[in-house]
N, C-alpha and C. Protein backbone atom coordinates (compact mmCIF):
# COMPACT_ATOMS: atom_id res chain seq x y z
N MET A 1 -19.42 0.00 -29.68
CA MET A 1 -17.97 0.11 -29.68
C MET A 1 -17.38 -1.27 -29.93
N LYS A 2 -16.36 -1.29 -30.75
CA LYS A 2 -15.64 -2.52 -31.05
C LYS A 2 -14.18 -2.32 -30.68
N ILE A 3 -13.60 -3.30 -30.01
CA ILE A 3 -12.17 -3.27 -29.71
C ILE A 3 -11.53 -4.38 -30.52
N ARG A 4 -10.49 -4.00 -31.26
CA ARG A 4 -9.81 -4.96 -32.14
C ARG A 4 -8.31 -4.74 -32.08
N GLY A 5 -7.58 -5.72 -32.54
CA GLY A 5 -6.14 -5.59 -32.64
C GLY A 5 -5.77 -4.54 -33.68
N ALA A 6 -4.75 -3.75 -33.37
CA ALA A 6 -4.28 -2.73 -34.31
C ALA A 6 -3.52 -3.40 -35.45
N LYS A 7 -3.58 -2.76 -36.60
CA LYS A 7 -2.82 -3.22 -37.76
C LYS A 7 -1.52 -2.43 -37.83
N VAL A 8 -0.46 -3.09 -38.25
CA VAL A 8 0.86 -2.45 -38.31
C VAL A 8 0.79 -1.14 -39.10
N GLU A 9 0.06 -1.13 -40.20
CA GLU A 9 0.00 0.06 -41.05
C GLU A 9 -0.76 1.23 -40.40
N GLU A 10 -1.33 1.03 -39.22
CA GLU A 10 -2.05 2.11 -38.52
C GLU A 10 -1.16 2.90 -37.57
N TYR A 11 0.11 2.60 -37.54
CA TYR A 11 1.00 3.22 -36.55
C TYR A 11 1.01 4.74 -36.62
N GLU A 12 0.96 5.32 -37.83
CA GLU A 12 0.98 6.78 -37.94
C GLU A 12 -0.30 7.39 -37.38
N LEU A 13 -1.43 6.76 -37.64
CA LEU A 13 -2.71 7.21 -37.07
C LEU A 13 -2.66 7.18 -35.55
N LEU A 14 -2.10 6.12 -35.00
CA LEU A 14 -2.01 6.00 -33.55
C LEU A 14 -1.10 7.06 -32.96
N SER A 15 0.00 7.34 -33.62
CA SER A 15 0.89 8.42 -33.16
C SER A 15 0.16 9.76 -33.16
N SER A 16 -0.62 10.00 -34.20
CA SER A 16 -1.38 11.24 -34.30
C SER A 16 -2.39 11.37 -33.16
N ILE A 17 -3.05 10.27 -32.84
CA ILE A 17 -4.01 10.27 -31.73
C ILE A 17 -3.30 10.55 -30.42
N ALA A 18 -2.15 9.93 -30.21
CA ALA A 18 -1.40 10.16 -28.97
C ALA A 18 -1.04 11.64 -28.83
N LEU A 19 -0.54 12.24 -29.88
CA LEU A 19 -0.15 13.65 -29.83
C LEU A 19 -1.35 14.56 -29.58
N LYS A 20 -2.44 14.33 -30.29
CA LYS A 20 -3.64 15.16 -30.11
C LYS A 20 -4.23 14.99 -28.71
N SER A 21 -4.19 13.77 -28.20
CA SER A 21 -4.73 13.52 -26.87
C SER A 21 -3.88 14.20 -25.80
N LYS A 22 -2.57 14.15 -25.95
CA LYS A 22 -1.68 14.83 -25.00
C LYS A 22 -1.88 16.34 -25.08
N ALA A 23 -2.00 16.86 -26.30
CA ALA A 23 -2.20 18.31 -26.49
C ALA A 23 -3.52 18.78 -25.88
N HIS A 24 -4.49 17.90 -25.78
CA HIS A 24 -5.80 18.24 -25.21
C HIS A 24 -5.66 18.85 -23.81
N TRP A 25 -4.63 18.46 -23.09
CA TRP A 25 -4.45 18.91 -21.71
C TRP A 25 -3.78 20.28 -21.62
N GLY A 26 -3.55 20.94 -22.74
CA GLY A 26 -3.05 22.30 -22.71
C GLY A 26 -1.54 22.43 -22.54
N TYR A 27 -0.81 21.39 -22.81
CA TYR A 27 0.64 21.47 -22.71
C TYR A 27 1.20 22.40 -23.78
N SER A 28 2.32 23.02 -23.48
CA SER A 28 2.95 23.94 -24.43
C SER A 28 3.49 23.19 -25.63
N SER A 29 3.66 23.90 -26.73
CA SER A 29 4.22 23.28 -27.93
C SER A 29 5.65 22.80 -27.68
N GLN A 30 6.38 23.51 -26.79
CA GLN A 30 7.75 23.09 -26.46
C GLN A 30 7.74 21.74 -25.73
N ASP A 31 6.82 21.60 -24.77
CA ASP A 31 6.74 20.33 -24.04
C ASP A 31 6.29 19.20 -24.97
N LEU A 32 5.31 19.48 -25.82
CA LEU A 32 4.86 18.45 -26.76
C LEU A 32 5.98 18.03 -27.69
N ALA A 33 6.77 18.99 -28.16
CA ALA A 33 7.91 18.65 -29.03
C ALA A 33 8.93 17.80 -28.27
N ARG A 34 9.12 18.09 -27.01
CA ARG A 34 10.07 17.32 -26.18
C ARG A 34 9.60 15.88 -25.99
N TRP A 35 8.28 15.69 -25.99
CA TRP A 35 7.71 14.36 -25.77
C TRP A 35 7.41 13.62 -27.07
N GLU A 36 7.72 14.22 -28.20
CA GLU A 36 7.33 13.62 -29.49
C GLU A 36 7.77 12.17 -29.63
N GLN A 37 8.98 11.86 -29.26
CA GLN A 37 9.47 10.48 -29.39
C GLN A 37 8.66 9.54 -28.49
N ASP A 38 8.36 9.97 -27.28
CA ASP A 38 7.58 9.14 -26.36
C ASP A 38 6.15 8.93 -26.86
N LEU A 39 5.63 9.89 -27.61
CA LEU A 39 4.27 9.81 -28.12
C LEU A 39 4.17 9.07 -29.46
N THR A 40 5.31 8.71 -30.03
CA THR A 40 5.34 8.07 -31.33
C THR A 40 5.14 6.56 -31.19
N VAL A 41 4.22 6.05 -31.98
CA VAL A 41 3.99 4.61 -32.09
C VAL A 41 4.69 4.17 -33.37
N THR A 42 5.45 3.11 -33.30
CA THR A 42 6.16 2.64 -34.49
C THR A 42 5.48 1.38 -35.05
N ALA A 43 5.76 1.12 -36.32
CA ALA A 43 5.27 -0.11 -36.93
C ALA A 43 5.80 -1.32 -36.17
N ALA A 44 7.07 -1.24 -35.77
CA ALA A 44 7.68 -2.35 -35.04
C ALA A 44 7.00 -2.59 -33.70
N SER A 45 6.64 -1.52 -33.00
CA SER A 45 5.99 -1.72 -31.70
C SER A 45 4.60 -2.32 -31.87
N VAL A 46 3.88 -1.91 -32.91
CA VAL A 46 2.56 -2.50 -33.16
C VAL A 46 2.71 -3.98 -33.50
N ALA A 47 3.74 -4.32 -34.24
CA ALA A 47 3.96 -5.72 -34.63
C ALA A 47 4.35 -6.60 -33.44
N LYS A 48 5.09 -6.03 -32.47
CA LYS A 48 5.65 -6.83 -31.38
C LYS A 48 4.86 -6.76 -30.07
N GLN A 49 4.16 -5.67 -29.84
CA GLN A 49 3.51 -5.47 -28.56
C GLN A 49 1.99 -5.51 -28.72
N PRO A 50 1.28 -6.04 -27.71
CA PRO A 50 -0.17 -6.05 -27.79
C PRO A 50 -0.70 -4.61 -27.93
N THR A 51 -1.39 -4.35 -29.04
CA THR A 51 -1.90 -3.01 -29.34
C THR A 51 -3.34 -3.17 -29.81
N PHE A 52 -4.25 -2.46 -29.15
CA PHE A 52 -5.67 -2.60 -29.45
C PHE A 52 -6.31 -1.23 -29.65
N ILE A 53 -7.28 -1.22 -30.55
CA ILE A 53 -7.98 0.00 -30.95
C ILE A 53 -9.45 -0.12 -30.58
N ALA A 54 -10.02 0.98 -30.09
CA ALA A 54 -11.47 1.08 -29.89
C ALA A 54 -12.04 1.84 -31.08
N GLN A 55 -13.07 1.27 -31.69
CA GLN A 55 -13.72 1.92 -32.83
C GLN A 55 -15.18 2.17 -32.49
N ILE A 56 -15.66 3.33 -32.90
CA ILE A 56 -17.08 3.66 -32.79
C ILE A 56 -17.54 4.12 -34.17
N ASP A 57 -18.50 3.41 -34.71
CA ASP A 57 -19.01 3.72 -36.05
C ASP A 57 -17.89 3.89 -37.07
N GLY A 58 -16.87 3.03 -36.99
CA GLY A 58 -15.77 3.06 -37.93
C GLY A 58 -14.66 4.04 -37.60
N ASP A 59 -14.89 4.95 -36.66
CA ASP A 59 -13.86 5.91 -36.25
C ASP A 59 -12.99 5.33 -35.15
N VAL A 60 -11.69 5.53 -35.24
CA VAL A 60 -10.79 5.11 -34.16
C VAL A 60 -10.94 6.12 -33.03
N ALA A 61 -11.47 5.63 -31.90
CA ALA A 61 -11.76 6.49 -30.76
C ALA A 61 -10.62 6.52 -29.75
N GLY A 62 -9.77 5.51 -29.77
CA GLY A 62 -8.65 5.46 -28.84
C GLY A 62 -7.91 4.15 -29.01
N PHE A 63 -6.83 4.00 -28.26
CA PHE A 63 -6.04 2.78 -28.34
C PHE A 63 -5.17 2.62 -27.11
N PHE A 64 -4.67 1.40 -26.94
CA PHE A 64 -3.64 1.16 -25.93
C PHE A 64 -2.62 0.21 -26.49
N GLN A 65 -1.43 0.28 -25.89
CA GLN A 65 -0.35 -0.64 -26.23
C GLN A 65 0.30 -1.06 -24.92
N LEU A 66 0.51 -2.36 -24.77
CA LEU A 66 1.16 -2.90 -23.58
C LEU A 66 2.63 -3.17 -23.84
N SER A 67 3.42 -3.00 -22.81
CA SER A 67 4.82 -3.39 -22.84
C SER A 67 5.00 -4.47 -21.78
N ILE A 68 5.49 -5.61 -22.21
CA ILE A 68 5.72 -6.71 -21.27
C ILE A 68 7.16 -7.20 -21.38
N ALA A 69 7.97 -6.48 -22.13
CA ALA A 69 9.34 -6.90 -22.41
C ALA A 69 10.16 -7.16 -21.15
N SER A 70 9.96 -6.36 -20.12
CA SER A 70 10.75 -6.51 -18.91
C SER A 70 10.18 -7.57 -17.97
N GLY A 71 9.08 -8.20 -18.39
CA GLY A 71 8.43 -9.17 -17.52
C GLY A 71 7.42 -8.54 -16.59
N VAL A 72 7.26 -7.23 -16.71
CA VAL A 72 6.29 -6.49 -15.91
C VAL A 72 5.34 -5.79 -16.88
N PRO A 73 4.06 -6.12 -16.86
CA PRO A 73 3.13 -5.48 -17.80
C PRO A 73 2.91 -4.00 -17.46
N GLU A 74 3.08 -3.16 -18.46
CA GLU A 74 2.93 -1.72 -18.26
C GLU A 74 2.20 -1.14 -19.47
N LEU A 75 1.39 -0.12 -19.21
CA LEU A 75 0.76 0.59 -20.32
C LEU A 75 1.82 1.44 -21.00
N GLU A 76 2.14 1.10 -22.21
CA GLU A 76 3.11 1.87 -23.00
C GLU A 76 2.42 3.10 -23.58
N HIS A 77 1.22 2.88 -24.11
CA HIS A 77 0.38 3.96 -24.64
C HIS A 77 -1.05 3.69 -24.19
N PHE A 78 -1.77 4.77 -23.89
CA PHE A 78 -3.19 4.68 -23.56
C PHE A 78 -3.78 6.04 -23.88
N TRP A 79 -4.48 6.12 -25.00
CA TRP A 79 -4.96 7.41 -25.49
C TRP A 79 -6.39 7.31 -25.99
N VAL A 80 -7.19 8.31 -25.63
CA VAL A 80 -8.54 8.45 -26.15
C VAL A 80 -8.60 9.78 -26.88
N ARG A 81 -9.10 9.74 -28.11
CA ARG A 81 -9.23 10.99 -28.88
C ARG A 81 -10.12 11.96 -28.12
N PRO A 82 -9.75 13.23 -28.06
CA PRO A 82 -10.51 14.21 -27.28
C PRO A 82 -12.01 14.20 -27.56
N GLY A 83 -12.44 14.04 -28.79
CA GLY A 83 -13.86 14.03 -29.11
C GLY A 83 -14.62 12.85 -28.54
N PHE A 84 -13.89 11.83 -28.07
CA PHE A 84 -14.52 10.63 -27.51
C PHE A 84 -14.32 10.53 -25.99
N MET A 85 -13.66 11.49 -25.39
CA MET A 85 -13.46 11.46 -23.94
C MET A 85 -14.82 11.59 -23.25
N GLY A 86 -14.99 10.85 -22.17
CA GLY A 86 -16.25 10.89 -21.43
C GLY A 86 -17.33 10.00 -22.02
N GLU A 87 -16.98 9.19 -23.03
CA GLU A 87 -17.96 8.33 -23.71
C GLU A 87 -17.81 6.86 -23.32
N GLY A 88 -16.96 6.54 -22.35
CA GLY A 88 -16.75 5.16 -21.93
C GLY A 88 -15.65 4.44 -22.68
N VAL A 89 -14.99 5.13 -23.59
CA VAL A 89 -13.92 4.50 -24.38
C VAL A 89 -12.76 4.10 -23.48
N GLY A 90 -12.35 4.99 -22.60
CA GLY A 90 -11.23 4.70 -21.72
C GLY A 90 -11.49 3.49 -20.83
N ARG A 91 -12.66 3.43 -20.24
CA ARG A 91 -13.00 2.28 -19.38
C ARG A 91 -13.01 0.98 -20.17
N ALA A 92 -13.57 1.03 -21.37
CA ALA A 92 -13.61 -0.17 -22.21
C ALA A 92 -12.20 -0.62 -22.57
N LEU A 93 -11.35 0.32 -22.97
CA LEU A 93 -9.97 -0.02 -23.32
C LEU A 93 -9.20 -0.55 -22.11
N LEU A 94 -9.39 0.08 -20.96
CA LEU A 94 -8.66 -0.36 -19.77
C LEU A 94 -9.12 -1.76 -19.35
N GLY A 95 -10.41 -2.03 -19.44
CA GLY A 95 -10.91 -3.36 -19.14
C GLY A 95 -10.30 -4.39 -20.07
N HIS A 96 -10.18 -4.04 -21.34
CA HIS A 96 -9.57 -4.96 -22.31
C HIS A 96 -8.09 -5.16 -21.99
N ALA A 97 -7.40 -4.10 -21.62
CA ALA A 97 -5.98 -4.21 -21.25
C ALA A 97 -5.81 -5.13 -20.05
N LEU A 98 -6.68 -5.02 -19.07
CA LEU A 98 -6.59 -5.88 -17.89
C LEU A 98 -6.83 -7.35 -18.25
N ARG A 99 -7.76 -7.61 -19.15
CA ARG A 99 -7.99 -8.98 -19.60
C ARG A 99 -6.76 -9.52 -20.34
N GLU A 100 -6.14 -8.68 -21.16
CA GLU A 100 -4.92 -9.09 -21.87
C GLU A 100 -3.82 -9.44 -20.88
N VAL A 101 -3.67 -8.63 -19.86
CA VAL A 101 -2.64 -8.86 -18.83
C VAL A 101 -2.94 -10.17 -18.09
N ALA A 102 -4.19 -10.36 -17.70
CA ALA A 102 -4.59 -11.58 -16.99
C ALA A 102 -4.37 -12.82 -17.86
N ASN A 103 -4.71 -12.72 -19.13
CA ASN A 103 -4.53 -13.86 -20.06
C ASN A 103 -3.07 -14.24 -20.21
N ARG A 104 -2.18 -13.32 -19.92
CA ARG A 104 -0.74 -13.60 -20.00
C ARG A 104 -0.17 -14.04 -18.65
N GLY A 105 -1.05 -14.21 -17.66
CA GLY A 105 -0.63 -14.75 -16.37
C GLY A 105 -0.18 -13.73 -15.34
N TYR A 106 -0.49 -12.46 -15.56
CA TYR A 106 -0.09 -11.41 -14.61
C TYR A 106 -1.27 -10.97 -13.75
N ASP A 107 -0.95 -10.46 -12.56
CA ASP A 107 -1.98 -10.01 -11.63
C ASP A 107 -2.15 -8.50 -11.60
N GLU A 108 -1.16 -7.77 -12.14
CA GLU A 108 -1.18 -6.31 -12.03
C GLU A 108 -0.72 -5.66 -13.33
N LEU A 109 -1.18 -4.44 -13.51
CA LEU A 109 -0.77 -3.61 -14.62
C LEU A 109 -0.16 -2.34 -14.04
N PHE A 110 1.02 -1.97 -14.51
CA PHE A 110 1.69 -0.77 -14.04
C PHE A 110 1.44 0.37 -15.01
N ILE A 111 1.26 1.56 -14.44
CA ILE A 111 0.90 2.73 -15.24
C ILE A 111 1.75 3.91 -14.82
N ASP A 112 2.50 4.46 -15.76
CA ASP A 112 3.24 5.71 -15.58
C ASP A 112 2.31 6.78 -16.15
N ALA A 113 1.54 7.41 -15.28
CA ALA A 113 0.41 8.23 -15.73
C ALA A 113 0.73 9.70 -15.89
N ASP A 114 0.08 10.30 -16.84
CA ASP A 114 0.05 11.76 -16.92
C ASP A 114 -0.76 12.24 -15.71
N PRO A 115 -0.35 13.33 -15.07
CA PRO A 115 -1.10 13.82 -13.91
C PRO A 115 -2.58 14.07 -14.21
N ASN A 116 -2.90 14.47 -15.43
CA ASN A 116 -4.29 14.73 -15.79
C ASN A 116 -5.13 13.46 -15.87
N ALA A 117 -4.50 12.31 -16.00
CA ALA A 117 -5.21 11.04 -16.14
C ALA A 117 -5.31 10.27 -14.83
N GLU A 118 -4.64 10.73 -13.79
CA GLU A 118 -4.62 9.98 -12.55
C GLU A 118 -6.02 9.74 -11.99
N ASP A 119 -6.87 10.75 -11.99
CA ASP A 119 -8.22 10.58 -11.44
C ASP A 119 -8.98 9.47 -12.17
N PHE A 120 -8.83 9.40 -13.48
CA PHE A 120 -9.48 8.34 -14.25
C PHE A 120 -9.00 6.97 -13.77
N TYR A 121 -7.70 6.80 -13.70
CA TYR A 121 -7.16 5.49 -13.31
C TYR A 121 -7.56 5.12 -11.88
N VAL A 122 -7.52 6.08 -10.98
CA VAL A 122 -7.91 5.83 -9.59
C VAL A 122 -9.40 5.44 -9.54
N ALA A 123 -10.23 6.12 -10.31
CA ALA A 123 -11.65 5.78 -10.36
C ALA A 123 -11.87 4.36 -10.88
N CYS A 124 -10.92 3.86 -11.65
CA CYS A 124 -10.98 2.48 -12.18
C CYS A 124 -10.34 1.48 -11.23
N GLY A 125 -9.84 1.93 -10.09
CA GLY A 125 -9.28 1.02 -9.10
C GLY A 125 -7.78 1.05 -8.92
N ALA A 126 -7.08 1.88 -9.68
CA ALA A 126 -5.62 1.95 -9.55
C ALA A 126 -5.22 2.62 -8.23
N GLU A 127 -4.04 2.28 -7.77
CA GLU A 127 -3.48 2.89 -6.56
C GLU A 127 -2.14 3.51 -6.89
N ARG A 128 -1.91 4.71 -6.34
CA ARG A 128 -0.62 5.36 -6.52
C ARG A 128 0.39 4.69 -5.60
N VAL A 129 1.53 4.30 -6.18
CA VAL A 129 2.58 3.66 -5.39
C VAL A 129 3.84 4.51 -5.32
N ALA A 130 3.95 5.49 -6.21
CA ALA A 130 5.13 6.37 -6.23
C ALA A 130 4.85 7.53 -7.17
N VAL A 131 5.82 8.41 -7.27
CA VAL A 131 5.78 9.50 -8.25
C VAL A 131 7.16 9.63 -8.87
N LYS A 132 7.20 10.17 -10.09
CA LYS A 132 8.46 10.48 -10.76
C LYS A 132 8.46 11.98 -11.05
N ALA A 133 9.57 12.62 -10.78
CA ALA A 133 9.69 14.03 -11.12
C ALA A 133 9.52 14.19 -12.63
N ALA A 134 8.70 15.17 -13.02
CA ALA A 134 8.41 15.39 -14.44
C ALA A 134 8.15 16.87 -14.69
N PRO A 135 9.13 17.72 -14.38
CA PRO A 135 8.90 19.15 -14.52
C PRO A 135 8.65 19.56 -15.98
N ILE A 136 7.80 20.56 -16.13
CA ILE A 136 7.54 21.14 -17.44
C ILE A 136 7.63 22.65 -17.30
N ILE A 137 7.54 23.33 -18.43
CA ILE A 137 7.60 24.79 -18.42
C ILE A 137 6.49 25.33 -17.52
N GLY A 138 6.88 26.10 -16.52
CA GLY A 138 5.93 26.72 -15.61
C GLY A 138 5.48 25.84 -14.45
N GLN A 139 5.90 24.59 -14.42
CA GLN A 139 5.51 23.67 -13.34
C GLN A 139 6.71 22.81 -12.95
N ILE A 140 7.64 23.42 -12.23
CA ILE A 140 8.86 22.69 -11.90
C ILE A 140 8.63 21.58 -10.87
N GLN A 141 7.51 21.64 -10.14
CA GLN A 141 7.21 20.61 -9.13
C GLN A 141 6.33 19.47 -9.69
N ARG A 142 6.01 19.51 -10.97
CA ARG A 142 5.13 18.50 -11.57
C ARG A 142 5.74 17.11 -11.42
N VAL A 143 4.86 16.15 -11.14
CA VAL A 143 5.26 14.74 -11.04
C VAL A 143 4.30 13.88 -11.86
N ARG A 144 4.80 12.73 -12.27
CA ARG A 144 3.96 11.73 -12.94
C ARG A 144 3.64 10.64 -11.92
N PRO A 145 2.35 10.41 -11.66
CA PRO A 145 1.97 9.34 -10.73
C PRO A 145 2.35 7.97 -11.30
N GLN A 146 2.85 7.13 -10.42
CA GLN A 146 3.17 5.74 -10.76
C GLN A 146 2.09 4.91 -10.10
N LEU A 147 1.30 4.21 -10.90
CA LEU A 147 0.12 3.52 -10.40
C LEU A 147 0.22 2.02 -10.65
N VAL A 148 -0.53 1.28 -9.85
CA VAL A 148 -0.67 -0.15 -10.04
C VAL A 148 -2.17 -0.45 -10.02
N LEU A 149 -2.58 -1.27 -11.00
CA LEU A 149 -3.97 -1.64 -11.12
C LEU A 149 -4.06 -3.16 -11.13
N SER A 150 -4.81 -3.71 -10.18
CA SER A 150 -4.99 -5.16 -10.10
C SER A 150 -5.89 -5.61 -11.24
N VAL A 151 -5.64 -6.78 -11.78
CA VAL A 151 -6.50 -7.28 -12.86
C VAL A 151 -7.91 -7.54 -12.36
N ASN A 152 -8.10 -7.61 -11.06
CA ASN A 152 -9.43 -7.81 -10.48
C ASN A 152 -10.13 -6.50 -10.13
N ALA A 153 -9.51 -5.36 -10.47
CA ALA A 153 -10.05 -4.07 -10.03
C ALA A 153 -11.34 -3.67 -10.72
N SER A 154 -11.47 -3.96 -12.03
CA SER A 154 -12.69 -3.48 -12.68
C SER A 154 -13.52 -4.55 -13.29
């Protein structure tokens, strides 16, 4: 596996991966359509924000993008293509994200997580600090875990 900086011209591929990865969890087409803007990676965001891709045998297996604009490092995007889930891609990308955060002088990474991803992040050392209401069709009590991961966690 190789982790490298994303190229601006890859933004559409990254958006496609984000959408397919979110759809993997069985969300309705209505919910996915509602989240389309949040799942979209732009050329401008790739140019301005730290964005890294994991490649396996030339295939893009996943990516992450950090947001540090507010002075607080947060995972803006963190997606692993469904065919590569369970292959160590997520752990490798998260480790790289933590090194990027540490290299910029921060001690923690904040994560607004999909409920389906919380177990992964917790297994990597993240702690839940809050929740945000995030109702969807058929799950009005759904929440998104708000997590914090120390750069020393993994």
